[in-house]
């Protein structure tokens, strides 16, 4: 009973959905119509995601004041082999970056001389999984699906980074992003911050991140609202349902040109799932959008050469497709 309350009212915010419904009715819109349902969906999901996002960014940013970027580089530089990939994946998992925001950090890691496989584990993990995605996935899909998404996403980051590291393709990093001195830069002094300074820093991170992310939340929720109430269910099920064995591959390909972070993608995934798409197919779409968006690949091309970029895309795409089919079989 307690978990049901947490799932429905705390994470799912049913109370907020009820308020959104009352507001739509108060505005004179019929909540039983497709338009009314779309407006309610848009209001509810926009506010819900925004509230969860701001709370989580604040918490993560506060914790990060104890582990500033240069200190993280120094810690990561001590690891080699599979442990390096695990640490890279873990660091990516606790940072709330989108695919484009992760690339400057990735470039900093390559410039610092960290193992290539570790840096790619970070690059795969960072936009795909983070504390915010776990909470939002739990609120939409339930704890079991959310946990599986995090575990499989992290596994993909570790194995993908390990595979790329084994290819020894360091020569395909552009010259400006290679180690310049072999010494990691001096640490940033967050450690002497007072509690008030940490709170001020975290509040600033919330404002800065939210300004960047909010347009994609609006776009994602808007698309989700249209899918949820206007796209015919038989169309979704015919393309992304169990009758199409290539649905996972198609969802992965369709997701690549789209640019959104995990918070803007979840409303679309929620709407697709409600229309009959298989969970694994939806997960593949989400992972492709967050990890392989076309704008991020264009930015990444400035840091690495075409051959390494091609290996990265193919490695991630193969892992995403396998993950999608695993989800469809298990769930």
C-alpha atoms as a PDB file:
ATOM      1  CA  UNK A   1       0.000   0.000   0.000  1.00  0.00           C
ATOM      2  CA  UNK A   2       2.805   2.413   0.880  1.00  0.00           C
ATOM      3  CA  UNK A   3       4.651   1.714  -2.383  1.00  0.00           C
ATOM      4  CA  UNK A   4       1.420   2.144  -4.364  1.00  0.00           C
ATOM      5  CA  UNK A   5       1.003   5.558  -2.756  1.00  0.00           C
ATOM      6  CA  UNK A   6       4.597   6.507  -3.602  1.00  0.00           C
ATOM      7  CA  UNK A   7       4.228   5.211  -7.162  1.00  0.00           C
ATOM      8  CA  UNK A   8       0.882   6.873  -7.890  1.00  0.00           C
ATOM      9  CA  UNK A   9       0.846  10.050  -5.818  1.00  0.00           C
ATOM     10  CA  UNK A  10       4.503  10.947  -5.191  1.00  0.00           C
ATOM     11  CA  UNK A  11       6.259   9.821  -8.372  1.00  0.00           C
ATOM     12  CA  UNK A  12       3.245   9.618 -10.678  1.00  0.00           C
ATOM     13  CA  UNK A  13       1.743  12.826  -9.197  1.00  0.00           C
ATOM     14  CA  UNK A  14      -1.870  11.805  -9.754  1.00  0.00           C
ATOM     15  CA  UNK A  15      -2.907  14.750  -7.613  1.00  0.00           C
ATOM     16  CA  UNK A  16      -1.268  17.066 -10.134  1.00  0.00           C
ATOM     17  CA  UNK A  17      -3.091  15.359 -13.003  1.00  0.00           C
ATOM     18  CA  UNK A  18      -6.381  15.933 -11.174  1.00  0.00           C
ATOM     19  CA  UNK A  19      -5.521  19.621 -10.753  1.00  0.00           C
ATOM     20  CA  UNK A  20      -4.673  19.889 -14.463  1.00  0.00           C
ATOM     21  CA  UNK A  21      -8.034  18.321 -15.304  1.00  0.00           C
ATOM     22  CA  UNK A  22      -9.870  20.819 -13.108  1.00  0.00           C
ATOM     23  CA  UNK A  23      -8.005  23.725 -14.729  1.00  0.00           C
ATOM     24  CA  UNK A  24      -8.916  22.496 -18.213  1.00  0.00           C
ATOM     25  CA  UNK A  25     -12.570  22.153 -17.182  1.00  0.00           C
ATOM     26  CA  UNK A  26     -12.496  25.611 -15.560  1.00  0.00           C
ATOM     27  CA  UNK A  27     -11.260  27.019 -18.878  1.00  0.00           C
ATOM     28  CA  UNK A  28     -14.386  25.634 -20.517  1.00  0.00           C
ATOM     29  CA  UNK A  29     -12.680  22.797 -22.382  1.00  0.00           C
ATOM     30  CA  UNK A  30     -14.302  19.371 -22.456  1.00  0.00           C
ATOM     31  CA  UNK A  31     -11.799  16.991 -20.801  1.00  0.00           C
ATOM     32  CA  UNK A  32     -13.427  14.007 -22.511  1.00  0.00           C
ATOM     33  CA  UNK A  33     -12.597  15.360 -25.985  1.00  0.00           C
ATOM     34  CA  UNK A  34      -9.333  14.640 -27.788  1.00  0.00           C
ATOM     35  CA  UNK A  35      -8.367  18.306 -27.559  1.00  0.00           C
ATOM     36  CA  UNK A  36      -9.200  18.480 -23.834  1.00  0.00           C
ATOM     37  CA  UNK A  37      -7.207  15.314 -23.112  1.00  0.00           C
ATOM     38  CA  UNK A  38      -4.250  16.707 -25.057  1.00  0.00           C
ATOM     39  CA  UNK A  39      -4.321  19.982 -23.120  1.00  0.00           C
ATOM     40  CA  UNK A  40      -4.546  18.127 -19.808  1.00  0.00           C
ATOM     41  CA  UNK A  41      -1.690  15.811 -20.813  1.00  0.00           C
ATOM     42  CA  UNK A  42       0.423  18.815 -21.840  1.00  0.00           C
ATOM     43  CA  UNK A  43      -0.168  20.738 -18.606  1.00  0.00           C
ATOM     44  CA  UNK A  44       0.318  17.738 -16.361  1.00  0.00           C
ATOM     45  CA  UNK A  45       3.477  16.332 -17.939  1.00  0.00           C
ATOM     46  CA  UNK A  46       5.130  19.741 -18.368  1.00  0.00           C
ATOM     47  CA  UNK A  47       4.706  20.666 -14.703  1.00  0.00           C
ATOM     48  CA  UNK A  48       5.517  17.157 -13.432  1.00  0.00           C
ATOM     49  CA  UNK A  49       8.746  16.828 -15.393  1.00  0.00           C
ATOM     50  CA  UNK A  50       9.786  20.386 -14.533  1.00  0.00           C
ATOM     51  CA  UNK A  51       9.276  19.848 -10.792  1.00  0.00           C
ATOM     52  CA  UNK A  52      11.147  16.551 -10.737  1.00  0.00           C
ATOM     53  CA  UNK A  53      13.910  17.903 -12.956  1.00  0.00           C
ATOM     54  CA  UNK A  54      14.576  20.982 -10.815  1.00  0.00           C
ATOM     55  CA  UNK A  55      14.606  18.979  -7.579  1.00  0.00           C
ATOM     56  CA  UNK A  56      16.997  16.400  -8.996  1.00  0.00           C
ATOM     57  CA  UNK A  57      19.367  18.900 -10.611  1.00  0.00           C
ATOM     58  CA  UNK A  58      19.616  20.735  -7.297  1.00  0.00           C
ATOM     59  CA  UNK A  59      20.459  17.543  -5.394  1.00  0.00           C
ATOM     60  CA  UNK A  60      22.970  16.297  -7.963  1.00  0.00           C
ATOM     61  CA  UNK A  61      24.635  19.723  -8.275  1.00  0.00           C
ATOM     62  CA  UNK A  62      24.978  19.981  -4.509  1.00  0.00           C
ATOM     63  CA  UNK A  63      26.695  16.587  -4.406  1.00  0.00           C
ATOM     64  CA  UNK A  64      28.931  17.562  -7.328  1.00  0.00           C
ATOM     65  CA  UNK A  65      30.379  20.479  -5.351  1.00  0.00           C
ATOM     66  CA  UNK A  66      32.283  17.808  -3.421  1.00  0.00           C
ATOM     67  CA  UNK A  67      33.529  16.231  -6.684  1.00  0.00           C
ATOM     68  CA  UNK A  68      34.429  19.059  -9.106  1.00  0.00           C
ATOM     69  CA  UNK A  69      35.401  18.145 -12.698  1.00  0.00           C
ATOM     70  CA  UNK A  70      39.168  18.315 -12.267  1.00  0.00           C
ATOM     71  CA  UNK A  71      39.059  16.227  -9.111  1.00  0.00           C
ATOM     72  CA  UNK A  72      36.897  13.685 -10.959  1.00  0.00           C
ATOM     73  CA  UNK A  73      39.504  13.546 -13.737  1.00  0.00           C
ATOM     74  CA  UNK A  74      42.233  12.859 -11.200  1.00  0.00           C
ATOM     75  CA  UNK A  75      40.202  10.078  -9.568  1.00  0.00           C
ATOM     76  CA  UNK A  76      39.288   8.509 -12.910  1.00  0.00           C
ATOM     77  CA  UNK A  77      42.910   8.560 -14.079  1.00  0.00           C
ATOM     78  CA  UNK A  78      43.803   5.952 -11.471  1.00  0.00           C
ATOM     79  CA  UNK A  79      41.722   3.203 -13.096  1.00  0.00           C
ATOM     80  CA  UNK A  80      42.505   0.914 -16.013  1.00  0.00           C
ATOM     81  CA  UNK A  81      40.770  -1.943 -17.832  1.00  0.00           C
ATOM     82  CA  UNK A  82      37.149  -2.799 -17.190  1.00  0.00           C
ATOM     83  CA  UNK A  83      37.227  -0.838 -13.927  1.00  0.00           C
ATOM     84  CA  UNK A  84      37.975   2.299 -15.912  1.00  0.00           C
ATOM     85  CA  UNK A  85      34.874   1.680 -18.033  1.00  0.00           C
ATOM     86  CA  UNK A  86      32.761   1.064 -14.944  1.00  0.00           C
ATOM     87  CA  UNK A  87      33.960   4.312 -13.359  1.00  0.00           C
ATOM     88  CA  UNK A  88      33.370   6.200 -16.612  1.00  0.00           C
ATOM     89  CA  UNK A  89      29.862   4.768 -16.865  1.00  0.00           C
ATOM     90  CA  UNK A  90      29.114   5.584 -13.226  1.00  0.00           C
ATOM     91  CA  UNK A  91      30.291   9.167 -13.598  1.00  0.00           C
ATOM     92  CA  UNK A  92      28.088   9.539 -16.659  1.00  0.00           C
ATOM     93  CA  UNK A  93      25.152   8.040 -14.776  1.00  0.00           C
ATOM     94  CA  UNK A  94      25.236  10.693 -12.042  1.00  0.00           C
ATOM     95  CA  UNK A  95      25.664  13.703 -14.340  1.00  0.00           C
ATOM     96  CA  UNK A  96      22.505  15.338 -15.776  1.00  0.00           C
ATOM     97  CA  UNK A  97      23.922  16.113 -19.241  1.00  0.00           C
ATOM     98  CA  UNK A  98      22.281  15.775 -22.638  1.00  0.00           C
ATOM     99  CA  UNK A  99      24.270  14.322 -25.536  1.00  0.00           C
ATOM    100  CA  UNK A 100      25.559  17.727 -26.683  1.00  0.00           C
ATOM    101  CA  UNK A 101      26.440  18.880 -23.163  1.00  0.00           C
ATOM    102  CA  UNK A 102      28.429  15.676 -22.578  1.00  0.00           C
ATOM    103  CA  UNK A 103      30.798  16.328 -25.493  1.00  0.00           C
ATOM    104  CA  UNK A 104      32.809  19.190 -23.878  1.00  0.00           C
ATOM    105  CA  UNK A 105      33.338  16.964 -20.808  1.00  0.00           C
ATOM    106  CA  UNK A 106      34.342  14.100 -23.111  1.00  0.00           C
ATOM    107  CA  UNK A 107      36.831  16.418 -24.813  1.00  0.00           C
ATOM    108  CA  UNK A 108      38.242  17.410 -21.423  1.00  0.00           C
ATOM    109  CA  UNK A 109      38.763  13.747 -20.562  1.00  0.00           C
ATOM    110  CA  UNK A 110      40.551  12.983 -23.845  1.00  0.00           C
ATOM    111  CA  UNK A 111      42.737  16.081 -23.415  1.00  0.00           C
ATOM    112  CA  UNK A 112      43.602  14.892 -19.905  1.00  0.00           C
ATOM    113  CA  UNK A 113      44.889  11.595 -21.314  1.00  0.00           C
ATOM    114  CA  UNK A 114      42.251   9.337 -19.752  1.00  0.00           C
ATOM    115  CA  UNK A 115      41.775   5.896 -21.391  1.00  0.00           C
ATOM    116  CA  UNK A 116      39.717   6.138 -24.568  1.00  0.00           C
ATOM    117  CA  UNK A 117      37.355   3.346 -23.529  1.00  0.00           C
ATOM    118  CA  UNK A 118      36.614   5.114 -20.240  1.00  0.00           C
ATOM    119  CA  UNK A 119      35.770   8.375 -22.000  1.00  0.00           C
ATOM    120  CA  UNK A 120      33.363   6.605 -24.364  1.00  0.00           C
ATOM    121  CA  UNK A 121      31.696   4.778 -21.473  1.00  0.00           C
ATOM    122  CA  UNK A 122      31.057   8.225 -20.003  1.00  0.00           C
ATOM    123  CA  UNK A 123      29.811   9.580 -23.340  1.00  0.00           C
ATOM    124  CA  UNK A 124      27.352   6.704 -23.771  1.00  0.00           C
ATOM    125  CA  UNK A 125      26.138   6.701 -20.188  1.00  0.00           C
ATOM    126  CA  UNK A 126      25.796  10.429 -19.476  1.00  0.00           C
ATOM    127  CA  UNK A 127      22.855  11.391 -21.738  1.00  0.00           C
ATOM    128  CA  UNK A 128      21.130   8.014 -21.460  1.00  0.00           C
ATOM    129  CA  UNK A 129      20.899   7.456 -17.706  1.00  0.00           C
ATOM    130  CA  UNK A 130      20.933   9.741 -14.691  1.00  0.00           C
ATOM    131  CA  UNK A 131      19.076  10.022 -11.367  1.00  0.00           C
ATOM    132  CA  UNK A 132      16.387  12.107 -13.008  1.00  0.00           C
ATOM    133  CA  UNK A 133      15.669   9.488 -15.653  1.00  0.00           C
ATOM    134  CA  UNK A 134      15.323   6.830 -12.961  1.00  0.00           C
ATOM    135  CA  UNK A 135      12.728   8.845 -11.048  1.00  0.00           C
ATOM    136  CA  UNK A 136      10.789   9.847 -14.162  1.00  0.00           C
ATOM    137  CA  UNK A 137      10.849   6.329 -15.598  1.00  0.00           C
ATOM    138  CA  UNK A 138       9.527   5.002 -12.298  1.00  0.00           C
ATOM    139  CA  UNK A 139       6.728   7.560 -12.371  1.00  0.00           C
ATOM    140  CA  UNK A 140       5.695   6.542 -15.902  1.00  0.00           C
ATOM    141  CA  UNK A 141       6.637   2.881 -16.420  1.00  0.00           C
ATOM    142  CA  UNK A 142       7.045   1.511 -12.894  1.00  0.00           C
ATOM    143  CA  UNK A 143      10.022   0.511 -10.783  1.00  0.00           C
ATOM    144  CA  UNK A 144      10.783  -2.785 -12.561  1.00  0.00           C
ATOM    145  CA  UNK A 145      11.024  -1.236 -16.025  1.00  0.00           C
ATOM    146  CA  UNK A 146      12.976   1.756 -14.717  1.00  0.00           C
ATOM    147  CA  UNK A 147      15.500  -0.478 -12.958  1.00  0.00           C
ATOM    148  CA  UNK A 148      15.923  -2.623 -16.082  1.00  0.00           C
ATOM    149  CA  UNK A 149      16.461   0.495 -18.206  1.00  0.00           C
ATOM    150  CA  UNK A 150      19.192   1.776 -15.871  1.00  0.00           C
ATOM    151  CA  UNK A 151      20.928  -1.615 -15.599  1.00  0.00           C
ATOM    152  CA  UNK A 152      20.879  -2.332 -19.338  1.00  0.00           C
ATOM    153  CA  UNK A 153      21.832   1.234 -20.221  1.00  0.00           C
ATOM    154  CA  UNK A 154      24.792   1.089 -17.852  1.00  0.00           C
ATOM    155  CA  UNK A 155      25.797  -2.319 -19.235  1.00  0.00           C
ATOM    156  CA  UNK A 156      25.690  -0.900 -22.763  1.00  0.00           C
ATOM    157  CA  UNK A 157      27.929   1.995 -21.677  1.00  0.00           C
ATOM    158  CA  UNK A 158      30.507  -0.298 -20.043  1.00  0.00           C
ATOM    159  CA  UNK A 159      30.591  -2.878 -22.846  1.00  0.00           C
ATOM    160  CA  UNK A 160      30.477  -0.272 -25.605  1.00  0.00           C
ATOM    161  CA  UNK A 161      33.325   1.700 -24.070  1.00  0.00           C
ATOM    162  CA  UNK A 162      35.320  -1.496 -23.506  1.00  0.00           C
ATOM    163  CA  UNK A 163      34.890  -2.529 -27.134  1.00  0.00           C
ATOM    164  CA  UNK A 164      35.988   0.861 -28.456  1.00  0.00           C
ATOM    165  CA  UNK A 165      38.925   0.882 -26.027  1.00  0.00           C
ATOM    166  CA  UNK A 166      40.100  -2.522 -27.281  1.00  0.00           C
ATOM    167  CA  UNK A 167      40.327  -1.150 -30.833  1.00  0.00           C
ATOM    168  CA  UNK A 168      43.079   1.301 -29.771  1.00  0.00           C
ATOM    169  CA  UNK A 169      41.815   4.126 -31.980  1.00  0.00           C
ATOM    170  CA  UNK A 170      43.449   6.990 -30.092  1.00  0.00           C
ATOM    171  CA  UNK A 171      44.985   8.256 -33.337  1.00  0.00           C
ATOM    172  CA  UNK A 172      41.487   9.079 -34.584  1.00  0.00           C
ATOM    173  CA  UNK A 173      41.013  11.808 -31.976  1.00  0.00           C
ATOM    174  CA  UNK A 174      41.526  15.263 -33.461  1.00  0.00           C
ATOM    175  CA  UNK A 175      44.853  16.838 -32.510  1.00  0.00           C
ATOM    176  CA  UNK A 176      43.400  19.640 -30.410  1.00  0.00           C
ATOM    177  CA  UNK A 177      41.587  17.125 -28.181  1.00  0.00           C
ATOM    178  CA  UNK A 178      44.636  14.970 -27.462  1.00  0.00           C
ATOM    179  CA  UNK A 179      46.719  15.200 -24.266  1.00  0.00           C
ATOM    180  CA  UNK A 180      48.831  18.340 -24.360  1.00  0.00           C
ATOM    181  CA  UNK A 181      51.074  17.874 -21.357  1.00  0.00           C
ATOM    182  CA  UNK A 182      50.193  14.545 -19.780  1.00  0.00           C
ATOM    183  CA  UNK A 183      49.268  16.355 -16.564  1.00  0.00           C
ATOM    184  CA  UNK A 184      45.706  16.911 -15.432  1.00  0.00           C
ATOM    185  CA  UNK A 185      44.892  20.533 -14.721  1.00  0.00           C
ATOM    186  CA  UNK A 186      44.773  21.855 -11.184  1.00  0.00           C
ATOM    187  CA  UNK A 187      41.616  21.198  -9.224  1.00  0.00           C
ATOM    188  CA  UNK A 188      38.737  23.640  -8.937  1.00  0.00           C
ATOM    189  CA  UNK A 189      38.279  24.681  -5.331  1.00  0.00           C
ATOM    190  CA  UNK A 190      34.709  23.754  -4.561  1.00  0.00           C
ATOM    191  CA  UNK A 191      35.793  21.876  -1.478  1.00  0.00           C
ATOM    192  CA  UNK A 192      36.064  24.968   0.719  1.00  0.00           C
ATOM    193  CA  UNK A 193      32.547  26.109  -0.079  1.00  0.00           C
ATOM    194  CA  UNK A 194      30.227  26.835   2.816  1.00  0.00           C
ATOM    195  CA  UNK A 195      26.750  25.294   2.851  1.00  0.00           C
ATOM    196  CA  UNK A 196      25.300  28.622   1.698  1.00  0.00           C
ATOM    197  CA  UNK A 197      27.731  28.719  -1.232  1.00  0.00           C
ATOM    198  CA  UNK A 198      26.864  25.149  -2.224  1.00  0.00           C
ATOM    199  CA  UNK A 199      23.160  25.991  -2.149  1.00  0.00           C
ATOM    200  CA  UNK A 200      23.774  29.123  -4.237  1.00  0.00           C
ATOM    201  CA  UNK A 201      25.815  27.122  -6.760  1.00  0.00           C
ATOM    202  CA  UNK A 202      23.162  24.379  -6.964  1.00  0.00           C
ATOM    203  CA  UNK A 203      20.397  26.942  -7.432  1.00  0.00           C
ATOM    204  CA  UNK A 204      22.381  28.508 -10.271  1.00  0.00           C
ATOM    205  CA  UNK A 205      22.813  25.099 -11.909  1.00  0.00           C
ATOM    206  CA  UNK A 206      19.057  24.501 -11.686  1.00  0.00           C
ATOM    207  CA  UNK A 207      18.321  27.813 -13.411  1.00  0.00           C
ATOM    208  CA  UNK A 208      20.999  27.393 -16.096  1.00  0.00           C
ATOM    209  CA  UNK A 209      20.097  23.775 -16.898  1.00  0.00           C
ATOM    210  CA  UNK A 210      16.355  24.366 -16.838  1.00  0.00           C
ATOM    211  CA  UNK A 211      16.647  27.243 -19.313  1.00  0.00           C
ATOM    212  CA  UNK A 212      18.411  24.926 -21.762  1.00  0.00           C
ATOM    213  CA  UNK A 213      16.234  21.873 -21.201  1.00  0.00           C
ATOM    214  CA  UNK A 214      12.768  23.453 -20.915  1.00  0.00           C
ATOM    215  CA  UNK A 215      12.224  24.030 -24.669  1.00  0.00           C
ATOM    216  CA  UNK A 216      12.860  20.323 -25.266  1.00  0.00           C
ATOM    217  CA  UNK A 217      10.464  19.421 -22.464  1.00  0.00           C
ATOM    218  CA  UNK A 218       7.781  21.521 -24.158  1.00  0.00           C
ATOM    219  CA  UNK A 219       8.532  19.943 -27.543  1.00  0.00           C
ATOM    220  CA  UNK A 220       8.577  16.423 -26.149  1.00  0.00           C
ATOM    221  CA  UNK A 221       5.370  16.863 -24.161  1.00  0.00           C
ATOM    222  CA  UNK A 222       3.689  18.531 -27.123  1.00  0.00           C
ATOM    223  CA  UNK A 223       4.554  15.633 -29.429  1.00  0.00           C
ATOM    224  CA  UNK A 224       3.476  13.189 -26.747  1.00  0.00           C
ATOM    225  CA  UNK A 225       0.128  14.961 -26.357  1.00  0.00           C
ATOM    226  CA  UNK A 226      -0.536  14.726 -30.086  1.00  0.00           C
ATOM    227  CA  UNK A 227       0.436  11.048 -30.235  1.00  0.00           C
ATOM    228  CA  UNK A 228      -1.556  10.299 -27.101  1.00  0.00           C
ATOM    229  CA  UNK A 229      -4.854  11.608 -28.442  1.00  0.00           C
ATOM    230  CA  UNK A 230      -4.689  12.037 -32.237  1.00  0.00           C
ATOM    231  CA  UNK A 231      -2.474   9.329 -33.763  1.00  0.00           C
ATOM    232  CA  UNK A 232      -4.563   6.189 -34.451  1.00  0.00           C
ATOM    233  CA  UNK A 233      -3.689   3.290 -32.190  1.00  0.00           C
ATOM    234  CA  UNK A 234      -3.656   0.791 -35.063  1.00  0.00           C
ATOM    235  CA  UNK A 235      -0.972   2.862 -36.826  1.00  0.00           C
ATOM    236  CA  UNK A 236       1.339   2.722 -33.799  1.00  0.00           C
ATOM    237  CA  UNK A 237       0.789  -0.974 -33.193  1.00  0.00           C
ATOM    238  CA  UNK A 238       1.330  -1.847 -36.878  1.00  0.00           C
ATOM    239  CA  UNK A 239       4.692  -0.041 -36.959  1.00  0.00           C
ATOM    240  CA  UNK A 240       5.996  -0.483 -33.404  1.00  0.00           C
ATOM    241  CA  UNK A 241       3.873  -3.356 -32.073  1.00  0.00           C
ATOM    242  CA  UNK A 242       4.478  -7.078 -31.831  1.00  0.00           C
ATOM    243  CA  UNK A 243       3.341  -7.705 -35.413  1.00  0.00           C
ATOM    244  CA  UNK A 244       6.413  -5.920 -36.770  1.00  0.00           C
ATOM    245  CA  UNK A 245       9.623  -7.850 -35.955  1.00  0.00           C
ATOM    246  CA  UNK A 246      11.681  -4.921 -37.234  1.00  0.00           C
ATOM    247  CA  UNK A 247       9.999  -2.381 -34.924  1.00  0.00           C
ATOM    248  CA  UNK A 248      13.059  -2.065 -32.657  1.00  0.00           C
ATOM    249  CA  UNK A 249      15.380  -1.412 -35.602  1.00  0.00           C
ATOM    250  CA  UNK A 250      12.943   1.090 -37.113  1.00  0.00           C
ATOM    251  CA  UNK A 251      12.523   2.913 -33.783  1.00  0.00           C
ATOM    252  CA  UNK A 252      16.307   3.174 -33.414  1.00  0.00           C
ATOM    253  CA  UNK A 253      16.733   4.608 -36.915  1.00  0.00           C
ATOM    254  CA  UNK A 254      13.856   7.072 -36.452  1.00  0.00           C
ATOM    255  CA  UNK A 255      15.256   8.222 -33.115  1.00  0.00           C
ATOM    256  CA  UNK A 256      18.706   9.214 -34.424  1.00  0.00           C
ATOM    257  CA  UNK A 257      17.713  12.462 -36.233  1.00  0.00           C
ATOM    258  CA  UNK A 258      15.710  13.652 -33.209  1.00  0.00           C
ATOM    259  CA  UNK A 259      17.386  15.881 -30.623  1.00  0.00           C
ATOM    260  CA  UNK A 260      16.043  15.797 -27.072  1.00  0.00           C
ATOM    261  CA  UNK A 261      17.306  14.855 -23.653  1.00  0.00           C
ATOM    262  CA  UNK A 262      15.823  12.066 -21.570  1.00  0.00           C
ATOM    263  CA  UNK A 263      13.290  14.427 -19.984  1.00  0.00           C
ATOM    264  CA  UNK A 264      11.881  15.499 -23.338  1.00  0.00           C
ATOM    265  CA  UNK A 265      11.819  11.935 -24.652  1.00  0.00           C
ATOM    266  CA  UNK A 266       9.875  10.276 -21.831  1.00  0.00           C
ATOM    267  CA  UNK A 267       6.516  11.960 -22.672  1.00  0.00           C
ATOM    268  CA  UNK A 268       6.805  10.722 -26.265  1.00  0.00           C
ATOM    269  CA  UNK A 269       7.653   7.236 -25.012  1.00  0.00           C
ATOM    270  CA  UNK A 270       4.708   7.338 -22.615  1.00  0.00           C
ATOM    271  CA  UNK A 271       2.324   8.206 -25.437  1.00  0.00           C
ATOM    272  CA  UNK A 272       3.737   5.548 -27.773  1.00  0.00           C
ATOM    273  CA  UNK A 273       3.419   2.899 -25.081  1.00  0.00           C
ATOM    274  CA  UNK A 274      -0.175   3.913 -24.368  1.00  0.00           C
ATOM    275  CA  UNK A 275      -0.958   3.462 -28.060  1.00  0.00           C
ATOM    276  CA  UNK A 276       0.291  -0.129 -28.144  1.00  0.00           C
ATOM    277  CA  UNK A 277       3.990   0.104 -28.964  1.00  0.00           C
ATOM    278  CA  UNK A 278       6.114  -2.592 -27.329  1.00  0.00           C
ATOM    279  CA  UNK A 279       8.187  -1.487 -24.327  1.00  0.00           C
ATOM    280  CA  UNK A 280      11.490  -2.592 -25.871  1.00  0.00           C
ATOM    281  CA  UNK A 281      10.741  -0.705 -29.065  1.00  0.00           C
ATOM    282  CA  UNK A 282       9.968   2.429 -27.053  1.00  0.00           C
ATOM    283  CA  UNK A 283      13.156   2.006 -24.998  1.00  0.00           C
ATOM    284  CA  UNK A 284      15.225   1.718 -28.185  1.00  0.00           C
ATOM    285  CA  UNK A 285      13.689   4.919 -29.493  1.00  0.00           C
ATOM    286  CA  UNK A 286      14.513   6.721 -26.233  1.00  0.00           C
ATOM    287  CA  UNK A 287      18.102   5.496 -26.183  1.00  0.00           C
ATOM    288  CA  UNK A 288      18.674   6.436 -29.833  1.00  0.00           C
ATOM    289  CA  UNK A 289      17.299   9.944 -29.283  1.00  0.00           C
ATOM    290  CA  UNK A 290      19.400  10.581 -26.181  1.00  0.00           C
ATOM    291  CA  UNK A 291      22.655   8.938 -27.306  1.00  0.00           C
ATOM    292  CA  UNK A 292      22.785   9.333 -31.085  1.00  0.00           C
ATOM    293  CA  UNK A 293      20.999  12.592 -31.880  1.00  0.00           C
ATOM    294  CA  UNK A 294      22.168  14.155 -35.134  1.00  0.00           C
ATOM    295  CA  UNK A 295      23.250  17.512 -33.566  1.00  0.00           C
ATOM    296  CA  UNK A 296      25.431  15.706 -31.013  1.00  0.00           C
ATOM    297  CA  UNK A 297      27.034  13.579 -33.750  1.00  0.00           C
ATOM    298  CA  UNK A 298      27.851  16.730 -35.709  1.00  0.00           C
ATOM    299  CA  UNK A 299      29.490  18.200 -32.597  1.00  0.00           C
ATOM    300  CA  UNK A 300      31.321  14.956 -31.872  1.00  0.00           C
ATOM    301  CA  UNK A 301      32.736  14.934 -35.411  1.00  0.00           C
ATOM    302  CA  UNK A 302      34.685  18.068 -34.451  1.00  0.00           C
ATOM    303  CA  UNK A 303      36.451  16.051 -31.731  1.00  0.00           C
ATOM    304  CA  UNK A 304      36.994  12.659 -33.365  1.00  0.00           C
ATOM    305  CA  UNK A 305      37.692  11.561 -36.940  1.00  0.00           C
ATOM    306  CA  UNK A 306      35.092   9.881 -39.194  1.00  0.00           C
ATOM    307  CA  UNK A 307      36.305   6.306 -38.655  1.00  0.00           C
ATOM    308  CA  UNK A 308      36.050   6.523 -34.860  1.00  0.00           C
ATOM    309  CA  UNK A 309      32.707   8.330 -35.146  1.00  0.00           C
ATOM    310  CA  UNK A 310      31.415   5.509 -37.346  1.00  0.00           C
ATOM    311  CA  UNK A 311      32.584   2.899 -34.824  1.00  0.00           C
ATOM    312  CA  UNK A 312      30.861   4.819 -31.998  1.00  0.00           C
ATOM    313  CA  UNK A 313      27.554   5.058 -33.892  1.00  0.00           C
ATOM    314  CA  UNK A 314      27.557   1.409 -34.945  1.00  0.00           C
ATOM    315  CA  UNK A 315      28.509   0.217 -31.450  1.00  0.00           C
ATOM    316  CA  UNK A 316      25.748   2.242 -29.800  1.00  0.00           C
ATOM    317  CA  UNK A 317      23.146   1.353 -32.438  1.00  0.00           C
ATOM    318  CA  UNK A 318      23.892  -2.379 -32.142  1.00  0.00           C
ATOM    319  CA  UNK A 319      23.721  -2.196 -28.350  1.00  0.00           C
ATOM    320  CA  UNK A 320      20.471  -0.224 -28.419  1.00  0.00           C
ATOM    321  CA  UNK A 321      18.832  -2.680 -30.819  1.00  0.00           C
ATOM    322  CA  UNK A 322      19.915  -5.675 -28.714  1.00  0.00           C
ATOM    323  CA  UNK A 323      18.625  -3.935 -25.574  1.00  0.00           C
ATOM    324  CA  UNK A 324      15.265  -3.299 -27.235  1.00  0.00           C
ATOM    325  CA  UNK A 325      14.797  -6.957 -28.201  1.00  0.00           C
ATOM    326  CA  UNK A 326      15.850  -8.064 -24.690  1.00  0.00           C
ATOM    327  CA  UNK A 327      13.179  -5.776 -23.233  1.00  0.00           C
ATOM    328  CA  UNK A 328      10.526  -7.144 -25.592  1.00  0.00           C
ATOM    329  CA  UNK A 329      11.403 -10.726 -24.664  1.00  0.00           C
ATOM    330  CA  UNK A 330      11.607 -10.178 -20.876  1.00  0.00           C
ATOM    331  CA  UNK A 331       8.698  -7.756 -20.543  1.00  0.00           C
END
